[in-house]
Amino acid sequence: ATVNVQNPISNLRVIADAYASPCGQGVRATDKVVTAGTAEMGGGEFYIQEQNRTSGMRVVSSEIVEEGDVVTVTGPLVNDAGEESISPTGVVISKHLLTLLTPVAMSNMAIGGGDCAQARGVTGGTGLRNIGLLIRTHGKVTYVGGEEESFFYIDDGSGLNDGSGHKGLRVACRGLAKPAPDAYLVVTGVSASQELDGKIIRLLKPRRDGDISVIDTRAGN
């Protein structure tokens, strides 16, 4: 398919302005805050968002940045593994915030949100698109899986069904310790998405073990 790019580089007033642009459009996001650094995300991506926590986006890059860095990112928009992202040709760090951004609390159901212009939300999602934002949610562990599976599921009563056969919200745990079955957790991470069997599903990406807090370990609660 042919993509008609109107301007070689579109300067984004806010990250959400990118949602109206097609893949291939070059964008420049100036002075955005890193909420999940490259090393914490496995070395191939990081996340940026507005300081007022209204919108965020994944950046597909191995450039070393850390949480709290203020960066300018320039490059084309891409859809990578079901998530709108920037594939940068340049990343410039201008400063580092001493006070880190706090997560937005939301229910499992609210994570992801609906479509916004050309940027897809999650399949069946409603409300404001929040993919790319640092968030916090909670729930009981409903699935842990084997060592070969780098995720687990939690449910806060929303009863999500993403087609995987597991009830609740998928939580990525690459390199992190998995919780015990039936433990009740509070989890901080980036609201993300991924493709699964032709659908875009919710995915929560904690950054480190400290983002997963156990508040009740009693089975059945």
N, C-alpha and C. Protein backbone atom coordinates (compact mmCIF):
# COMPACT_ATOMS: atom_id res chain seq x y z
N ALA A 1 0.84 -1.18 0.00
CA ALA A 1 0.00 0.00 0.00
C ALA A 1 0.88 1.24 0.00
N THR A 2 0.41 2.29 -0.65
CA THR A 2 1.14 3.54 -0.71
C THR A 2 0.71 4.45 0.44
N VAL A 3 1.67 4.99 1.17
CA VAL A 3 1.39 5.92 2.26
C VAL A 3 1.71 7.33 1.77
N ASN A 4 0.74 8.21 1.86
CA ASN A 4 0.94 9.60 1.45
C ASN A 4 1.40 10.41 2.66
N VAL A 5 2.67 10.75 2.69
CA VAL A 5 3.23 11.53 3.79
C VAL A 5 3.17 13.00 3.41
N GLN A 6 2.46 13.79 4.23
CA GLN A 6 2.24 15.19 3.90
C GLN A 6 3.48 16.04 4.12
N ASN A 7 4.18 15.82 5.21
CA ASN A 7 5.38 16.58 5.55
C ASN A 7 6.47 15.61 5.94
N PRO A 8 7.73 15.86 5.55
CA PRO A 8 8.80 14.95 5.94
C PRO A 8 8.88 14.75 7.45
N ILE A 9 8.73 15.84 8.20
CA ILE A 9 8.75 15.78 9.66
C ILE A 9 7.61 16.64 10.20
N SER A 10 6.75 16.04 11.02
CA SER A 10 5.68 16.79 11.67
C SER A 10 6.06 17.01 13.13
N ASN A 11 6.14 18.27 13.53
CA ASN A 11 6.46 18.60 14.92
C ASN A 11 5.21 18.41 15.78
N LEU A 12 5.28 17.51 16.73
CA LEU A 12 4.13 17.20 17.56
C LEU A 12 4.02 18.21 18.70
N ARG A 13 2.86 18.83 18.81
CA ARG A 13 2.60 19.69 19.97
C ARG A 13 2.51 18.81 21.22
N VAL A 14 1.75 17.74 21.09
CA VAL A 14 1.67 16.71 22.13
C VAL A 14 1.75 15.36 21.42
N ILE A 15 2.10 14.32 22.17
CA ILE A 15 2.26 13.00 21.56
C ILE A 15 0.98 12.55 20.87
N ALA A 16 -0.17 12.88 21.46
CA ALA A 16 -1.45 12.45 20.88
C ALA A 16 -1.67 12.99 19.47
N ASP A 17 -0.97 14.07 19.08
CA ASP A 17 -1.09 14.57 17.71
C ASP A 17 -0.67 13.52 16.70
N ALA A 18 0.21 12.59 17.10
CA ALA A 18 0.68 11.55 16.19
C ALA A 18 -0.41 10.56 15.83
N TYR A 19 -1.46 10.49 16.66
CA TYR A 19 -2.50 9.49 16.43
C TYR A 19 -3.25 9.72 15.12
N ALA A 20 -3.21 10.95 14.62
CA ALA A 20 -3.92 11.27 13.37
C ALA A 20 -3.06 11.04 12.14
N SER A 21 -1.80 10.64 12.32
CA SER A 21 -0.87 10.48 11.20
C SER A 21 -0.71 9.01 10.82
N PRO A 22 -0.47 8.72 9.54
CA PRO A 22 -0.31 7.33 9.11
C PRO A 22 1.09 6.82 9.42
N CYS A 23 1.22 5.51 9.41
CA CYS A 23 2.55 4.91 9.52
C CYS A 23 3.42 5.41 8.38
N GLY A 24 4.67 5.71 8.66
CA GLY A 24 5.58 6.27 7.66
C GLY A 24 5.76 7.76 7.80
N GLN A 25 4.80 8.42 8.45
CA GLN A 25 4.94 9.86 8.66
C GLN A 25 6.06 10.13 9.66
N GLY A 26 6.97 11.03 9.29
CA GLY A 26 8.02 11.43 10.21
C GLY A 26 7.48 12.39 11.25
N VAL A 27 7.89 12.21 12.51
CA VAL A 27 7.43 13.09 13.58
C VAL A 27 8.62 13.49 14.45
N ARG A 28 8.44 14.59 15.15
CA ARG A 28 9.42 15.01 16.15
C ARG A 28 8.67 15.30 17.45
N ALA A 29 8.97 14.52 18.49
CA ALA A 29 8.38 14.71 19.82
C ALA A 29 9.43 15.37 20.70
N THR A 30 9.19 16.62 21.06
CA THR A 30 10.19 17.44 21.74
C THR A 30 9.92 17.52 23.23
N ASP A 31 10.98 17.31 24.02
CA ASP A 31 10.94 17.45 25.48
C ASP A 31 9.86 16.57 26.11
N LYS A 32 9.92 15.29 25.78
CA LYS A 32 9.02 14.31 26.39
C LYS A 32 9.76 13.51 27.46
N VAL A 33 9.03 13.02 28.44
CA VAL A 33 9.63 12.39 29.61
C VAL A 33 9.67 10.88 29.44
N VAL A 34 10.82 10.30 29.69
CA VAL A 34 10.97 8.84 29.65
C VAL A 34 10.39 8.25 30.94
N THR A 35 9.46 7.32 30.80
CA THR A 35 8.87 6.66 31.97
C THR A 35 9.35 5.23 32.13
N ALA A 36 9.90 4.65 31.07
CA ALA A 36 10.45 3.29 31.12
C ALA A 36 11.70 3.28 30.25
N GLY A 37 12.86 3.08 30.89
CA GLY A 37 14.13 3.17 30.18
C GLY A 37 14.45 1.96 29.33
N THR A 38 15.44 2.12 28.49
CA THR A 38 15.80 1.07 27.54
C THR A 38 16.20 -0.23 28.23
N ALA A 39 17.05 -0.15 29.24
CA ALA A 39 17.51 -1.37 29.92
C ALA A 39 16.35 -2.08 30.60
N GLU A 40 15.46 -1.31 31.22
CA GLU A 40 14.31 -1.90 31.91
C GLU A 40 13.35 -2.59 30.94
N MET A 41 13.33 -2.13 29.70
CA MET A 41 12.42 -2.70 28.71
C MET A 41 13.08 -3.77 27.85
N GLY A 42 14.27 -4.20 28.22
CA GLY A 42 14.90 -5.31 27.51
C GLY A 42 15.93 -4.91 26.49
N GLY A 43 16.17 -3.60 26.31
CA GLY A 43 17.24 -3.13 25.44
C GLY A 43 16.83 -2.70 24.06
N GLY A 44 15.56 -2.91 23.67
CA GLY A 44 15.15 -2.57 22.31
C GLY A 44 14.02 -1.58 22.21
N GLU A 45 13.62 -1.01 23.34
CA GLU A 45 12.50 -0.06 23.33
C GLU A 45 12.54 0.77 24.61
N PHE A 46 11.86 1.92 24.56
CA PHE A 46 11.58 2.70 25.75
C PHE A 46 10.28 3.45 25.54
N TYR A 47 9.78 4.06 26.59
CA TYR A 47 8.48 4.76 26.52
C TYR A 47 8.63 6.20 26.95
N ILE A 48 7.90 7.09 26.25
CA ILE A 48 7.88 8.51 26.57
C ILE A 48 6.44 8.93 26.80
N GLN A 49 6.26 10.01 27.55
CA GLN A 49 4.92 10.55 27.69
C GLN A 49 4.98 12.03 28.02
N GLU A 50 3.82 12.66 27.96
CA GLU A 50 3.70 14.06 28.34
C GLU A 50 3.86 14.19 29.85
N GLN A 51 4.42 15.30 30.27
CA GLN A 51 4.61 15.50 31.71
C GLN A 51 3.28 15.59 32.44
N ASN A 52 2.21 16.00 31.75
CA ASN A 52 0.90 16.08 32.39
C ASN A 52 0.13 14.75 32.31
N ARG A 53 0.78 13.71 31.79
CA ARG A 53 0.27 12.33 31.78
C ARG A 53 -0.96 12.15 30.89
N THR A 54 -1.06 12.93 29.82
CA THR A 54 -2.23 12.83 28.94
C THR A 54 -2.04 11.86 27.78
N SER A 55 -0.81 11.62 27.35
CA SER A 55 -0.57 10.69 26.25
C SER A 55 0.88 10.24 26.28
N GLY A 56 1.12 9.06 25.71
CA GLY A 56 2.46 8.50 25.67
C GLY A 56 2.64 7.64 24.44
N MET A 57 3.87 7.13 24.24
CA MET A 57 4.14 6.32 23.06
C MET A 57 5.41 5.49 23.24
N ARG A 58 5.40 4.36 22.60
CA ARG A 58 6.57 3.48 22.57
C ARG A 58 7.58 3.99 21.54
N VAL A 59 8.86 3.88 21.87
CA VAL A 59 9.94 4.22 20.95
C VAL A 59 10.77 2.96 20.74
N VAL A 60 10.85 2.51 19.50
CA VAL A 60 11.59 1.28 19.17
C VAL A 60 13.03 1.65 18.90
N SER A 61 13.89 1.50 19.92
CA SER A 61 15.26 1.96 19.81
C SER A 61 16.10 1.32 20.90
N SER A 62 17.38 1.11 20.59
CA SER A 62 18.33 0.63 21.59
C SER A 62 19.15 1.77 22.19
N GLU A 63 18.82 3.00 21.83
CA GLU A 63 19.48 4.17 22.43
C GLU A 63 19.29 4.13 23.94
N ILE A 64 20.35 4.33 24.70
CA ILE A 64 20.27 4.21 26.15
C ILE A 64 19.68 5.47 26.76
N VAL A 65 18.47 5.33 27.30
CA VAL A 65 17.83 6.40 28.06
C VAL A 65 17.31 5.79 29.36
N GLU A 66 17.08 6.64 30.35
CA GLU A 66 16.62 6.18 31.65
C GLU A 66 15.35 6.91 32.06
N GLU A 67 14.60 6.29 32.96
CA GLU A 67 13.42 6.93 33.51
C GLU A 67 13.78 8.31 34.05
N GLY A 68 13.00 9.32 33.69
CA GLY A 68 13.25 10.68 34.13
C GLY A 68 14.00 11.53 33.14
N ASP A 69 14.63 10.91 32.14
CA ASP A 69 15.28 11.69 31.08
C ASP A 69 14.23 12.46 30.29
N VAL A 70 14.56 13.66 29.89
CA VAL A 70 13.72 14.46 29.00
C VAL A 70 14.36 14.42 27.63
N VAL A 71 13.62 13.94 26.63
CA VAL A 71 14.22 13.63 25.33
C VAL A 71 13.43 14.26 24.19
N THR A 72 14.13 14.44 23.09
CA THR A 72 13.50 14.76 21.81
C THR A 72 13.75 13.59 20.87
N VAL A 73 12.66 13.06 20.34
CA VAL A 73 12.72 11.86 19.49
C VAL A 73 12.23 12.22 18.10
N THR A 74 13.01 11.88 17.08
CA THR A 74 12.65 12.17 15.69
C THR A 74 12.71 10.90 14.87
N GLY A 75 11.67 10.65 14.07
CA GLY A 75 11.66 9.48 13.22
C GLY A 75 10.26 9.15 12.74
N PRO A 76 10.13 8.13 11.89
CA PRO A 76 8.83 7.77 11.34
C PRO A 76 7.98 6.96 12.32
N LEU A 77 6.67 7.09 12.15
CA LEU A 77 5.74 6.26 12.89
C LEU A 77 5.68 4.86 12.28
N VAL A 78 5.63 3.85 13.12
CA VAL A 78 5.53 2.47 12.67
C VAL A 78 4.50 1.76 13.54
N ASN A 79 3.96 0.67 13.01
CA ASN A 79 3.13 -0.22 13.83
C ASN A 79 3.94 -1.48 14.03
N ASP A 80 4.40 -1.69 15.25
CA ASP A 80 5.30 -2.79 15.55
C ASP A 80 4.62 -3.72 16.55
N ALA A 81 4.34 -4.95 16.12
CA ALA A 81 3.73 -5.97 16.99
C ALA A 81 2.41 -5.49 17.58
N GLY A 82 1.66 -4.71 16.79
CA GLY A 82 0.34 -4.29 17.23
C GLY A 82 0.31 -3.01 18.04
N GLU A 83 1.43 -2.27 18.08
CA GLU A 83 1.46 -1.04 18.87
C GLU A 83 2.09 0.09 18.06
N GLU A 84 1.36 1.23 17.96
CA GLU A 84 1.91 2.39 17.29
C GLU A 84 3.15 2.88 18.04
N SER A 85 4.22 3.14 17.29
CA SER A 85 5.51 3.46 17.88
C SER A 85 6.25 4.44 16.99
N ILE A 86 7.32 5.01 17.53
CA ILE A 86 8.25 5.80 16.73
C ILE A 86 9.52 4.98 16.56
N SER A 87 10.02 4.92 15.33
CA SER A 87 11.30 4.26 15.04
C SER A 87 12.31 5.37 14.76
N PRO A 88 13.04 5.82 15.76
CA PRO A 88 13.75 7.09 15.64
C PRO A 88 15.04 7.02 14.82
N THR A 89 15.29 8.11 14.12
CA THR A 89 16.59 8.34 13.49
C THR A 89 17.47 9.18 14.41
N GLY A 90 16.85 9.76 15.45
CA GLY A 90 17.61 10.56 16.40
C GLY A 90 16.92 10.63 17.75
N VAL A 91 17.72 10.51 18.81
CA VAL A 91 17.24 10.66 20.19
C VAL A 91 18.21 11.59 20.91
N VAL A 92 17.72 12.70 21.43
CA VAL A 92 18.56 13.67 22.12
C VAL A 92 18.04 13.84 23.54
N ILE A 93 18.94 13.66 24.53
CA ILE A 93 18.59 13.87 25.94
C ILE A 93 18.96 15.30 26.31
N SER A 94 17.99 16.06 26.84
CA SER A 94 18.26 17.46 27.18
C SER A 94 18.47 17.67 28.67
N LYS A 95 17.80 16.87 29.51
CA LYS A 95 17.96 17.01 30.95
C LYS A 95 17.37 15.78 31.64
N HIS A 96 17.44 15.77 32.97
CA HIS A 96 16.89 14.67 33.75
C HIS A 96 16.06 15.25 34.88
N LEU A 97 14.83 14.74 35.03
CA LEU A 97 13.95 15.22 36.09
C LEU A 97 14.33 14.59 37.43
N LEU A 98 14.36 15.41 38.46
CA LEU A 98 14.62 14.89 39.80
C LEU A 98 13.37 14.25 40.40
N THR A 99 12.20 14.75 40.00
CA THR A 99 10.93 14.20 40.45
C THR A 99 10.32 13.39 39.32
N LEU A 100 10.21 12.08 39.51
CA LEU A 100 9.70 11.21 38.46
C LEU A 100 8.18 11.30 38.36
N LEU A 101 7.66 11.00 37.18
CA LEU A 101 6.22 11.02 36.97
C LEU A 101 5.56 9.86 37.72
N THR A 102 4.38 10.11 38.24
CA THR A 102 3.64 9.08 38.95
C THR A 102 2.65 8.39 38.01
N PRO A 103 2.33 7.13 38.27
CA PRO A 103 1.41 6.41 37.38
C PRO A 103 -0.03 6.85 37.55
N VAL A 104 -0.82 6.65 36.51
CA VAL A 104 -2.26 6.90 36.54
C VAL A 104 -2.95 5.60 36.96
N ALA A 105 -3.77 5.66 38.00
CA ALA A 105 -4.49 4.47 38.47
C ALA A 105 -5.70 4.20 37.59
N MET A 106 -5.90 2.95 37.22
CA MET A 106 -7.07 2.58 36.43
C MET A 106 -7.40 1.10 36.60
N SER A 107 -8.62 0.76 36.27
CA SER A 107 -9.06 -0.63 36.32
C SER A 107 -8.47 -1.42 35.16
N ASN A 108 -8.49 -2.75 35.27
CA ASN A 108 -8.05 -3.60 34.16
C ASN A 108 -8.83 -3.26 32.90
N MET A 109 -10.14 -3.07 33.03
CA MET A 109 -10.99 -2.82 31.87
C MET A 109 -10.62 -1.53 31.15
N ALA A 110 -10.20 -0.50 31.90
CA ALA A 110 -9.90 0.81 31.29
C ALA A 110 -8.59 0.82 30.53
N ILE A 111 -7.70 -0.14 30.79
CA ILE A 111 -6.38 -0.15 30.16
C ILE A 111 -6.52 -0.34 28.64
N GLY A 112 -5.73 0.41 27.90
CA GLY A 112 -5.78 0.33 26.43
C GLY A 112 -6.65 1.41 25.85
N GLY A 113 -7.95 1.31 26.14
CA GLY A 113 -8.89 2.28 25.61
C GLY A 113 -9.28 2.01 24.17
N GLY A 114 -10.07 2.90 23.61
CA GLY A 114 -10.56 2.74 22.25
C GLY A 114 -9.65 3.36 21.21
N ASP A 115 -10.07 3.27 19.93
CA ASP A 115 -9.32 3.87 18.84
C ASP A 115 -9.33 5.38 18.97
N CYS A 116 -8.26 6.01 18.48
CA CYS A 116 -8.18 7.46 18.43
C CYS A 116 -7.59 7.84 17.08
N ALA A 117 -8.43 8.39 16.20
CA ALA A 117 -8.01 8.72 14.83
C ALA A 117 -7.43 7.46 14.17
N GLN A 118 -6.19 7.51 13.69
CA GLN A 118 -5.61 6.34 13.01
C GLN A 118 -4.88 5.40 13.97
N ALA A 119 -4.78 5.78 15.23
CA ALA A 119 -4.10 4.94 16.21
C ALA A 119 -5.12 3.99 16.85
N ARG A 120 -4.85 2.71 16.75
CA ARG A 120 -5.79 1.72 17.27
C ARG A 120 -5.67 1.59 18.79
N GLY A 121 -6.81 1.43 19.43
CA GLY A 121 -6.83 1.00 20.81
C GLY A 121 -6.85 -0.52 20.84
N VAL A 122 -7.33 -1.09 21.93
CA VAL A 122 -7.42 -2.54 22.01
C VAL A 122 -8.76 -3.00 21.46
N THR A 123 -8.81 -4.21 20.98
CA THR A 123 -10.05 -4.76 20.43
C THR A 123 -11.14 -4.76 21.51
N GLY A 124 -12.25 -4.12 21.21
CA GLY A 124 -13.34 -4.02 22.17
C GLY A 124 -13.15 -2.96 23.22
N GLY A 125 -12.05 -2.20 23.13
CA GLY A 125 -11.77 -1.17 24.12
C GLY A 125 -12.66 0.05 23.96
N THR A 126 -12.93 0.71 25.07
CA THR A 126 -13.72 1.94 25.05
C THR A 126 -13.01 2.98 25.90
N GLY A 127 -13.45 4.22 25.77
CA GLY A 127 -12.87 5.30 26.56
C GLY A 127 -11.59 5.82 25.93
N LEU A 128 -10.89 6.67 26.66
CA LEU A 128 -9.70 7.34 26.14
C LEU A 128 -8.58 6.35 25.90
N ARG A 129 -7.93 6.47 24.75
CA ARG A 129 -6.78 5.63 24.44
C ARG A 129 -5.62 6.00 25.38
N ASN A 130 -5.09 5.02 26.11
CA ASN A 130 -4.02 5.31 27.06
C ASN A 130 -2.78 4.45 26.83
N ILE A 131 -2.69 3.81 25.67
CA ILE A 131 -1.49 3.01 25.34
C ILE A 131 -0.27 3.93 25.32
N GLY A 132 0.77 3.54 26.05
CA GLY A 132 1.97 4.34 26.15
C GLY A 132 2.11 5.08 27.47
N LEU A 133 1.05 5.11 28.29
CA LEU A 133 1.09 5.81 29.57
C LEU A 133 1.57 4.89 30.69
N LEU A 134 2.24 5.47 31.66
CA LEU A 134 2.60 4.76 32.89
C LEU A 134 1.36 4.71 33.77
N ILE A 135 0.97 3.49 34.16
CA ILE A 135 -0.28 3.31 34.90
C ILE A 135 -0.06 2.40 36.10
N ARG A 136 -1.12 2.27 36.90
CA ARG A 136 -1.10 1.33 38.03
C ARG A 136 -2.46 0.66 38.11
N THR A 137 -2.47 -0.66 38.30
CA THR A 137 -3.71 -1.41 38.44
C THR A 137 -3.50 -2.52 39.45
N HIS A 138 -4.53 -3.33 39.67
CA HIS A 138 -4.43 -4.37 40.69
C HIS A 138 -5.23 -5.59 40.25
N GLY A 139 -5.08 -6.67 40.97
CA GLY A 139 -5.88 -7.85 40.69
C GLY A 139 -5.28 -9.11 41.29
N LYS A 140 -6.07 -10.17 41.28
CA LYS A 140 -5.63 -11.47 41.75
C LYS A 140 -5.02 -12.24 40.60
N VAL A 141 -3.92 -12.93 40.88
CA VAL A 141 -3.24 -13.72 39.85
C VAL A 141 -4.14 -14.90 39.45
N THR A 142 -4.46 -14.96 38.17
CA THR A 142 -5.33 -16.03 37.66
C THR A 142 -4.57 -17.06 36.83
N TYR A 143 -3.37 -16.70 36.38
CA TYR A 143 -2.57 -17.62 35.57
C TYR A 143 -1.11 -17.22 35.70
N VAL A 144 -0.27 -18.21 35.94
CA VAL A 144 1.17 -17.97 36.03
C VAL A 144 1.92 -18.60 34.87
N GLY A 145 1.56 -19.83 34.51
CA GLY A 145 2.17 -20.48 33.36
C GLY A 145 3.55 -21.04 33.65
N GLY A 146 4.18 -21.55 32.61
CA GLY A 146 5.48 -22.18 32.74
C GLY A 146 6.63 -21.20 32.59
N GLU A 147 7.84 -21.74 32.78
CA GLU A 147 9.04 -20.89 32.70
C GLU A 147 9.23 -20.30 31.30
N GLU A 148 8.70 -20.99 30.29
CA GLU A 148 8.88 -20.52 28.92
C GLU A 148 7.94 -19.37 28.57
N GLU A 149 6.99 -19.07 29.43
CA GLU A 149 6.02 -18.00 29.18
C GLU A 149 6.42 -16.76 29.97
N SER A 150 6.63 -15.68 29.27
CA SER A 150 7.11 -14.45 29.90
C SER A 150 5.95 -13.52 30.24
N PHE A 151 4.90 -14.07 30.79
CA PHE A 151 3.74 -13.27 31.19
C PHE A 151 2.95 -14.03 32.24
N PHE A 152 2.08 -13.28 32.93
CA PHE A 152 1.07 -13.88 33.80
C PHE A 152 -0.19 -13.05 33.67
N TYR A 153 -1.28 -13.47 34.32
CA TYR A 153 -2.56 -12.76 34.23
C TYR A 153 -3.07 -12.39 35.61
N ILE A 154 -3.70 -11.21 35.71
CA ILE A 154 -4.38 -10.79 36.92
C ILE A 154 -5.79 -10.35 36.58
N ASP A 155 -6.69 -10.38 37.56
CA ASP A 155 -8.07 -9.95 37.35
C ASP A 155 -8.55 -9.17 38.55
N ASP A 156 -9.09 -7.99 38.31
CA ASP A 156 -9.61 -7.14 39.39
C ASP A 156 -11.13 -7.22 39.50
N GLY A 157 -11.71 -8.21 38.82
CA GLY A 157 -13.16 -8.34 38.77
C GLY A 157 -13.73 -7.90 37.44
N SER A 158 -12.87 -7.33 36.56
CA SER A 158 -13.34 -6.92 35.23
C SER A 158 -13.67 -8.11 34.36
N GLY A 159 -13.02 -9.25 34.62
CA GLY A 159 -13.33 -10.47 33.87
C GLY A 159 -12.95 -10.39 32.41
N LEU A 160 -11.82 -9.78 32.10
CA LEU A 160 -11.40 -9.63 30.71
C LEU A 160 -11.17 -10.99 30.05
N ASN A 161 -11.47 -11.07 28.75
CA ASN A 161 -11.24 -12.28 27.97
C ASN A 161 -10.58 -11.87 26.66
N ASP A 162 -9.25 -12.08 26.55
CA ASP A 162 -8.53 -11.64 25.35
C ASP A 162 -8.37 -12.75 24.31
N GLY A 163 -9.01 -13.90 24.55
CA GLY A 163 -8.94 -15.00 23.61
C GLY A 163 -7.80 -15.96 23.86
N SER A 164 -7.01 -15.72 24.89
CA SER A 164 -5.87 -16.60 25.20
C SER A 164 -6.29 -17.84 25.96
N GLY A 165 -7.49 -17.80 26.52
CA GLY A 165 -7.93 -18.88 27.40
C GLY A 165 -7.68 -18.58 28.86
N HIS A 166 -7.06 -17.42 29.14
CA HIS A 166 -6.75 -17.04 30.52
C HIS A 166 -7.57 -15.80 30.88
N LYS A 167 -8.16 -15.82 32.05
CA LYS A 167 -9.01 -14.72 32.49
C LYS A 167 -8.18 -13.55 32.99
N GLY A 168 -8.53 -12.36 32.54
CA GLY A 168 -7.93 -11.16 33.10
C GLY A 168 -7.01 -10.41 32.15
N LEU A 169 -6.08 -9.67 32.74
CA LEU A 169 -5.15 -8.79 32.04
C LEU A 169 -3.79 -9.45 31.94
N ARG A 170 -3.21 -9.45 30.73
CA ARG A 170 -1.88 -10.00 30.55
C ARG A 170 -0.83 -9.02 31.07
N VAL A 171 0.09 -9.53 31.90
CA VAL A 171 1.18 -8.73 32.45
C VAL A 171 2.50 -9.33 31.97
N ALA A 172 3.29 -8.57 31.24
CA ALA A 172 4.59 -9.04 30.77
C ALA A 172 5.55 -9.12 31.96
N CYS A 173 6.39 -10.15 31.98
CA CYS A 173 7.33 -10.27 33.10
C CYS A 173 8.68 -10.78 32.62
N ARG A 174 9.11 -10.31 31.45
CA ARG A 174 10.40 -10.69 30.91
C ARG A 174 11.51 -10.36 31.91
N GLY A 175 12.18 -11.40 32.41
CA GLY A 175 13.28 -11.19 33.32
C GLY A 175 12.88 -10.86 34.74
N LEU A 176 11.58 -10.82 35.03
CA LEU A 176 11.11 -10.49 36.36
C LEU A 176 10.59 -11.74 37.07
N ALA A 177 10.54 -11.68 38.39
CA ALA A 177 10.03 -12.81 39.17
C ALA A 177 8.51 -12.90 39.02
N LYS A 178 8.02 -14.11 38.77
CA LYS A 178 6.58 -14.31 38.67
C LYS A 178 5.97 -14.44 40.07
N PRO A 179 4.75 -13.94 40.23
CA PRO A 179 4.08 -14.07 41.53
C PRO A 179 3.50 -15.47 41.71
N ALA A 180 3.05 -15.74 42.92
CA ALA A 180 2.40 -17.01 43.21
C ALA A 180 0.96 -16.99 42.70
N PRO A 181 0.43 -18.14 42.31
CA PRO A 181 -0.99 -18.21 41.93
C PRO A 181 -1.88 -17.71 43.06
N ASP A 182 -2.93 -16.97 42.70
CA ASP A 182 -3.94 -16.46 43.63
C ASP A 182 -3.45 -15.31 44.50
N ALA A 183 -2.19 -14.90 44.37
CA ALA A 183 -1.73 -13.72 45.11
C ALA A 183 -2.47 -12.48 44.60
N TYR A 184 -2.68 -11.53 45.47
CA TYR A 184 -3.32 -10.27 45.08
C TYR A 184 -2.25 -9.20 44.96
N LEU A 185 -2.21 -8.54 43.79
CA LEU A 185 -1.10 -7.65 43.45
C LEU A 185 -1.57 -6.24 43.15
N VAL A 186 -0.65 -5.29 43.36
CA VAL A 186 -0.73 -3.98 42.75
C VAL A 186 0.45 -3.89 41.78
N VAL A 187 0.17 -3.58 40.52
CA VAL A 187 1.21 -3.60 39.49
C VAL A 187 1.29 -2.23 38.81
N THR A 188 2.50 -1.69 38.75
CA THR A 188 2.78 -0.47 38.01
C THR A 188 3.52 -0.85 36.72
N GLY A 189 3.20 -0.19 35.64
CA GLY A 189 3.86 -0.47 34.37
C GLY A 189 3.30 0.38 33.26
N VAL A 190 3.76 0.13 32.06
CA VAL A 190 3.29 0.89 30.90
C VAL A 190 2.10 0.18 30.27
N SER A 191 1.06 0.93 30.00
CA SER A 191 -0.08 0.42 29.25
C SER A 191 0.37 0.20 27.81
N ALA A 192 0.34 -1.06 27.38
CA ALA A 192 0.82 -1.40 26.05
C ALA A 192 -0.20 -2.30 25.36
N SER A 193 0.16 -2.80 24.19
CA SER A 193 -0.74 -3.69 23.46
C SER A 193 0.08 -4.65 22.62
N GLN A 194 -0.54 -5.75 22.21
CA GLN A 194 0.11 -6.68 21.31
C GLN A 194 -0.94 -7.40 20.48
N GLU A 195 -0.51 -7.98 19.38
CA GLU A 195 -1.40 -8.76 18.53
C GLU A 195 -1.50 -10.18 19.06
N LEU A 196 -2.70 -10.72 19.08
CA LEU A 196 -2.93 -12.11 19.46
C LEU A 196 -4.10 -12.64 18.65
N ASP A 197 -3.82 -13.56 17.76
CA ASP A 197 -4.86 -14.19 16.95
C ASP A 197 -5.74 -13.16 16.24
N GLY A 198 -5.10 -12.15 15.67
CA GLY A 198 -5.81 -11.16 14.88
C GLY A 198 -6.45 -10.05 15.69
N LYS A 199 -6.31 -10.07 17.00
CA LYS A 199 -6.86 -9.02 17.86
C LYS A 199 -5.73 -8.22 18.49
N ILE A 200 -6.04 -7.00 18.90
CA ILE A 200 -5.11 -6.19 19.68
C ILE A 200 -5.54 -6.31 21.13
N ILE A 201 -4.68 -6.89 21.97
CA ILE A 201 -5.04 -7.13 23.37
C ILE A 201 -4.27 -6.20 24.30
N ARG A 202 -4.82 -6.04 25.50
CA ARG A 202 -4.16 -5.25 26.53
C ARG A 202 -2.90 -5.97 27.01
N LEU A 203 -1.87 -5.19 27.29
CA LEU A 203 -0.62 -5.73 27.84
C LEU A 203 -0.05 -4.69 28.80
N LEU A 204 0.21 -5.11 30.03
CA LEU A 204 0.83 -4.24 31.01
C LEU A 204 2.30 -4.62 31.14
N LYS A 205 3.19 -3.63 31.03
CA LYS A 205 4.63 -3.89 31.06
C LYS A 205 5.28 -3.28 32.30
N PRO A 206 5.41 -4.06 33.40
CA PRO A 206 6.19 -3.58 34.53
C PRO A 206 7.65 -3.40 34.11
N ARG A 207 8.34 -2.49 34.81
CA ARG A 207 9.72 -2.19 34.42
C ARG A 207 10.74 -2.96 35.26
N ARG A 208 10.37 -3.29 36.47
CA ARG A 208 11.30 -3.93 37.41
C ARG A 208 10.50 -4.68 38.45
N ASP A 209 11.19 -5.52 39.23
CA ASP A 209 10.50 -6.32 40.24
C ASP A 209 9.72 -5.45 41.22
N GLY A 210 10.25 -4.27 41.54
CA GLY A 210 9.58 -3.39 42.48
C GLY A 210 8.25 -2.84 41.99
N ASP A 211 7.98 -2.99 40.71
CA ASP A 211 6.68 -2.56 40.16
C ASP A 211 5.57 -3.56 40.47
N ILE A 212 5.93 -4.74 40.95
CA ILE A 212 4.94 -5.78 41.26
C ILE A 212 4.91 -5.96 42.77
N SER A 213 3.87 -5.46 43.40
CA SER A 213 3.75 -5.50 44.86
C SER A 213 2.68 -6.49 45.28
N VAL A 214 3.05 -7.43 46.14
CA VAL A 214 2.09 -8.40 46.65
C VAL A 214 1.43 -7.82 47.89
N ILE A 215 0.10 -7.76 47.89
CA ILE A 215 -0.59 -7.22 49.05
C ILE A 215 -1.39 -8.29 49.79
N ASP A 216 -1.55 -9.46 49.18
CA ASP A 216 -2.25 -10.57 49.83
C ASP A 216 -1.82 -11.85 49.17
N THR A 217 -1.27 -12.77 49.92
CA THR A 217 -0.79 -14.05 49.36
C THR A 217 -1.71 -15.22 49.69
N ARG A 218 -2.85 -14.95 50.32
CA ARG A 218 -3.73 -16.04 50.72
C ARG A 218 -4.51 -16.56 49.53
N ALA A 219 -4.35 -17.83 49.23
CA ALA A 219 -5.04 -18.44 48.10
C ALA A 219 -6.54 -18.30 48.27
N GLY A 220 -7.15 -17.97 47.14
CA GLY A 220 -8.61 -17.89 47.12
C GLY A 220 -9.14 -16.50 47.42
N ASN A 221 -8.29 -15.58 47.82
CA ASN A 221 -8.75 -14.21 48.10
C ASN A 221 -8.57 -13.33 46.89
